N, C-alpha and C. Protein backbone atom coordinates (compact mmCIF):
# COMPACT_ATOMS: atom_id res chain seq x y z
N ALA A 1 1.27 -1.19 -0.13
CA ALA A 1 -0.08 -0.25 -0.40
C ALA A 1 0.84 1.26 0.08
N LEU A 2 2.26 1.25 0.87
CA LEU A 2 2.52 2.12 1.05
C LEU A 2 3.39 2.62 -0.55
N SER A 3 3.72 1.89 -1.39
CA SER A 3 4.32 1.71 -2.76
C SER A 3 3.73 2.33 -3.63
N LYS A 4 2.38 1.99 -2.86
CA LYS A 4 1.34 2.60 -4.72
C LYS A 4 0.98 3.89 -4.22
N LEU A 5 0.91 4.18 -2.74
CA LEU A 5 0.99 5.52 -2.14
C LEU A 5 2.22 6.46 -2.61
N LEU A 6 3.52 6.15 -2.80
CA LEU A 6 4.61 6.51 -2.98
C LEU A 6 4.58 7.03 -4.26
N LEU A 7 4.24 5.81 -5.63
CA LEU A 7 3.85 6.16 -6.99
C LEU A 7 2.99 7.24 -7.07
N PHE A 8 1.99 7.17 -6.56
CA PHE A 8 0.98 8.00 -6.41
C PHE A 8 1.97 9.66 -6.86
N THR A 9 1.90 9.16 -5.66
CA THR A 9 3.04 11.05 -5.15
C THR A 9 3.61 11.46 -5.99
N ILE A 10 4.45 10.25 -6.70
CA ILE A 10 5.14 11.01 -7.34
C ILE A 10 4.87 11.32 -8.87
N LEU A 11 4.20 10.49 -9.46
CA LEU A 11 2.73 10.73 -10.53
C LEU A 11 2.40 12.09 -10.35
N PHE A 12 2.37 12.66 -9.36
CA PHE A 12 0.92 13.60 -8.89
C PHE A 12 1.82 14.78 -9.37
N LEU A 13 2.97 14.64 -8.58
CA LEU A 13 3.86 15.78 -8.15
C LEU A 13 4.78 15.91 -9.71
N THR A 14 4.86 14.87 -10.73
CA THR A 14 6.10 15.34 -11.56
C THR A 14 4.26 15.69 -12.86
N ASN A 15 3.47 16.08 -12.35
CA ASN A 15 2.17 16.14 -13.29
C ASN A 15 1.81 17.40 -12.55
N ALA A 16 1.67 17.90 -11.74
CA ALA A 16 1.40 18.92 -10.69
C ALA A 16 1.75 20.39 -11.53
N ALA A 17 2.43 20.52 -12.18
CA ALA A 17 2.28 22.03 -13.37
C ALA A 17 1.07 21.57 -14.02
N GLY A 18 1.19 21.05 -15.01
CA GLY A 18 -0.25 21.04 -15.85
C GLY A 18 -1.52 20.93 -15.24
N ILE A 19 -1.47 19.88 -14.04
CA ILE A 19 -2.78 20.11 -13.43
C ILE A 19 -3.46 20.85 -12.90
N PHE A 20 -2.30 21.92 -12.45
CA PHE A 20 -2.72 23.35 -11.67
C PHE A 20 -2.59 24.68 -12.96
N ALA A 21 -2.37 24.07 -13.90
CA ALA A 21 -2.15 25.57 -14.95
C ALA A 21 -3.36 26.26 -15.09
N ALA A 22 -3.60 27.43 -14.93
CA ALA A 22 -4.91 28.32 -15.35
C ALA A 22 -4.93 28.56 -16.25
N ASP A 23 -5.92 29.06 -17.19
CA ASP A 23 -6.22 29.21 -18.37
C ASP A 23 -5.77 30.12 -18.58
N GLY A 24 -5.04 29.73 -19.85
CA GLY A 24 -4.30 31.74 -20.88
C GLY A 24 -2.60 31.51 -20.27
N ASP A 25 -2.35 30.57 -19.17
CA ASP A 25 -0.93 30.62 -18.88
C ASP A 25 -0.14 29.94 -19.94
N LEU A 26 0.74 29.66 -20.21
CA LEU A 26 1.58 29.81 -21.87
C LEU A 26 1.85 28.01 -21.52
N ASP A 27 2.42 27.50 -22.28
CA ASP A 27 2.66 26.13 -22.16
C ASP A 27 4.25 25.82 -22.65
N PRO A 28 5.00 25.84 -21.65
CA PRO A 28 6.26 26.08 -22.29
C PRO A 28 7.35 25.04 -23.20
N SER A 29 6.04 23.47 -23.22
CA SER A 29 6.67 22.45 -24.09
C SER A 29 6.30 23.17 -25.68
N PHE A 30 5.65 24.51 -26.00
CA PHE A 30 5.27 24.63 -27.61
C PHE A 30 6.48 26.00 -27.50
N ASP A 31 7.33 25.42 -28.34
CA ASP A 31 8.27 26.18 -28.79
C ASP A 31 9.19 26.54 -28.14
N GLY A 32 9.49 25.86 -26.95
CA GLY A 32 10.44 26.29 -25.46
C GLY A 32 10.09 27.37 -24.79
N ASP A 33 9.30 27.99 -25.49
CA ASP A 33 8.57 29.59 -24.47
C ASP A 33 6.86 29.75 -23.97
N GLY A 34 6.41 28.46 -25.31
CA GLY A 34 5.17 28.82 -24.88
C GLY A 34 4.34 29.84 -26.34
N ILE A 35 5.38 30.67 -26.95
CA ILE A 35 4.94 31.54 -28.03
C ILE A 35 5.83 31.01 -29.44
N GLY A 36 4.99 30.80 -30.51
CA GLY A 36 5.31 30.46 -31.46
C GLY A 36 5.31 31.68 -32.61
N ILE A 37 6.50 31.88 -33.12
CA ILE A 37 6.35 32.69 -34.11
C ILE A 37 6.85 32.75 -35.45
N THR A 38 6.44 32.46 -36.60
CA THR A 38 6.41 32.52 -37.49
C THR A 38 6.34 33.67 -38.41
N ASP A 39 7.48 34.20 -39.24
CA ASP A 39 7.86 34.82 -40.07
C ASP A 39 7.80 35.11 -41.19
N ASN A 40 6.48 35.78 -42.37
CA ASN A 40 7.03 35.39 -43.48
C ASN A 40 7.45 36.15 -44.35
N GLY A 41 8.15 36.98 -43.64
CA GLY A 41 9.33 37.75 -44.32
C GLY A 41 7.93 39.38 -45.11
N ASN A 42 6.72 39.40 -44.67
CA ASN A 42 5.97 40.10 -45.24
C ASN A 42 5.80 41.13 -44.56
N THR A 43 5.19 42.48 -44.28
CA THR A 43 4.71 43.65 -43.23
C THR A 43 3.17 43.23 -42.77
N ASN A 44 3.40 43.79 -41.84
CA ASN A 44 1.59 43.87 -41.13
C ASN A 44 0.93 42.55 -41.06
N GLU A 45 1.58 41.69 -40.99
CA GLU A 45 1.32 40.14 -40.90
C GLU A 45 0.78 40.12 -39.15
N GLY A 46 -0.70 39.09 -39.39
CA GLY A 46 -1.24 38.82 -38.07
C GLY A 46 -1.67 37.34 -37.84
N VAL A 47 -2.00 37.18 -37.65
CA VAL A 47 -3.33 35.91 -37.26
C VAL A 47 -4.78 36.24 -36.66
N ILE A 48 -5.44 35.91 -37.25
CA ILE A 48 -7.05 36.10 -37.47
C ILE A 48 -8.22 35.23 -36.49
N ASP A 49 -7.39 33.61 -36.61
CA ASP A 49 -8.29 32.41 -36.52
C ASP A 49 -7.19 31.77 -35.42
N LEU A 50 -7.51 30.33 -34.80
CA LEU A 50 -6.21 29.31 -34.47
C LEU A 50 -7.65 28.60 -34.42
N VAL A 51 -7.64 27.56 -35.02
CA VAL A 51 -8.02 25.77 -34.28
C VAL A 51 -7.48 24.63 -33.61
N VAL A 52 -7.73 24.25 -32.99
CA VAL A 52 -6.64 23.27 -32.28
C VAL A 52 -7.71 21.69 -32.82
N GLN A 53 -6.87 21.01 -33.74
CA GLN A 53 -6.97 19.89 -33.82
C GLN A 53 -7.09 19.09 -32.81
N PRO A 54 -8.14 17.68 -32.69
CA PRO A 54 -8.27 16.42 -31.74
C PRO A 54 -6.62 15.89 -31.53
N ASP A 55 -5.67 16.31 -32.48
CA ASP A 55 -4.93 15.49 -31.97
C ASP A 55 -3.59 16.32 -31.62
N GLY A 56 -4.17 17.52 -31.06
CA GLY A 56 -3.41 18.48 -30.43
C GLY A 56 -2.53 19.31 -31.43
N LYS A 57 -2.34 19.60 -32.96
CA LYS A 57 -2.17 20.63 -33.52
C LYS A 57 -3.01 21.43 -33.69
N ILE A 58 -2.04 22.88 -34.32
CA ILE A 58 -2.88 23.66 -34.28
C ILE A 58 -2.66 24.70 -35.61
N ILE A 59 -3.22 25.18 -36.00
CA ILE A 59 -3.96 25.63 -37.62
C ILE A 59 -4.18 27.20 -37.06
N ALA A 60 -3.12 28.03 -37.85
CA ALA A 60 -3.15 29.29 -37.71
C ALA A 60 -3.83 29.93 -38.98
N ALA A 61 -4.84 30.44 -39.13
CA ALA A 61 -4.85 31.72 -40.14
C ALA A 61 -4.96 33.29 -40.31
N GLY A 62 -3.85 33.67 -41.41
CA GLY A 62 -4.06 35.16 -40.84
C GLY A 62 -3.45 35.89 -42.29
N ASN A 63 -3.33 37.13 -42.22
CA ASN A 63 -2.97 37.49 -43.07
C ASN A 63 -2.04 38.48 -43.07
N SER A 64 -0.88 39.13 -44.79
CA SER A 64 0.10 39.66 -44.44
C SER A 64 -0.35 40.59 -45.77
N PHE A 65 0.38 41.82 -45.63
CA PHE A 65 0.25 42.61 -46.75
C PHE A 65 2.05 42.99 -48.15
N VAL A 66 1.47 42.54 -49.18
CA VAL A 66 2.86 42.38 -49.49
C VAL A 66 3.20 43.59 -50.91
N GLY A 67 4.15 43.60 -50.44
CA GLY A 67 4.50 45.01 -52.06
C GLY A 67 4.24 46.09 -51.99
N SER A 68 4.35 46.93 -52.96
CA SER A 68 3.79 48.76 -52.75
C SER A 68 3.58 48.97 -54.65
N PRO A 69 2.46 48.51 -54.72
CA PRO A 69 0.99 48.96 -53.82
C PRO A 69 1.10 47.29 -53.19
N SER A 70 0.02 47.62 -52.44
CA SER A 70 0.47 46.63 -51.11
C SER A 70 -0.89 45.28 -51.55
N THR A 71 -0.13 44.47 -51.57
CA THR A 71 -1.57 42.99 -51.91
C THR A 71 -1.57 42.18 -50.52
N HIS A 72 -2.88 42.10 -50.36
CA HIS A 72 -3.33 41.45 -49.44
C HIS A 72 -3.00 39.50 -49.70
N GLN A 73 -2.56 38.95 -48.95
CA GLN A 73 -2.38 37.12 -48.90
C GLN A 73 -2.45 37.01 -47.96
N THR A 74 -3.71 35.77 -48.28
CA THR A 74 -3.77 34.91 -46.58
C THR A 74 -2.98 33.68 -46.76
N THR A 75 -2.52 33.98 -45.44
CA THR A 75 -1.24 32.42 -45.22
C THR A 75 -2.48 31.78 -44.08
N ILE A 76 -2.03 30.78 -44.02
CA ILE A 76 -2.25 29.24 -43.29
C ILE A 76 -1.36 27.94 -42.62
N VAL A 77 -1.09 28.19 -41.43
CA VAL A 77 0.20 27.04 -40.60
C VAL A 77 -0.16 26.48 -40.08
N ARG A 78 0.05 25.41 -40.38
CA ARG A 78 0.63 24.13 -39.45
C ARG A 78 1.32 24.02 -37.79
N TYR A 79 1.18 24.46 -36.87
CA TYR A 79 2.08 23.90 -36.02
C TYR A 79 2.34 22.60 -35.20
N ASN A 80 2.87 21.54 -35.07
CA ASN A 80 2.90 20.66 -34.06
C ASN A 80 2.73 20.99 -32.91
N ILE A 81 2.36 19.83 -32.01
CA ILE A 81 2.08 20.27 -30.53
C ILE A 81 3.51 20.45 -29.84
N ASN A 82 4.79 20.23 -30.55
CA ASN A 82 5.88 21.17 -29.60
C ASN A 82 6.30 22.55 -30.50
N GLY A 83 5.50 22.86 -31.03
CA GLY A 83 5.52 24.75 -31.85
C GLY A 83 6.39 25.02 -33.04
N SER A 84 6.38 23.70 -33.51
CA SER A 84 7.72 23.36 -34.87
C SER A 84 6.68 23.59 -36.24
N ILE A 85 6.81 24.44 -36.90
CA ILE A 85 5.93 24.13 -38.42
C ILE A 85 5.89 22.57 -39.07
N ASP A 86 4.25 22.20 -38.96
CA ASP A 86 4.17 20.81 -39.74
C ASP A 86 4.30 21.03 -41.05
N SER A 87 5.58 20.67 -41.45
CA SER A 87 5.64 20.74 -42.88
C SER A 87 5.31 19.42 -43.78
N THR A 88 4.11 18.95 -43.16
CA THR A 88 3.50 17.53 -44.30
C THR A 88 1.57 18.52 -44.14
N PHE A 89 1.96 20.15 -43.93
CA PHE A 89 0.66 20.00 -43.79
C PHE A 89 0.32 21.04 -45.37
N GLY A 90 -0.49 21.03 -46.36
CA GLY A 90 -0.65 21.74 -47.19
C GLY A 90 0.46 20.52 -48.21
């Protein structure tokens, strides 16, 4: 019984950060600091919407403006659960 209690305590303590994380807290396992930045090399880039897929991958859709005169461009990127860009997308 003591070994089961000890095992439960160890598992609980190692997962406590995830258990007690508040909504809106950054997940440091995502891109090392909880923040993913993808620079498309254009000006006025921005994300308009995000969706998290059932497998944990994140799709971000946004706009950027290119050239002069400025041309609107829609951009969609999928991130793996660790924050890296999913190169298999698209």
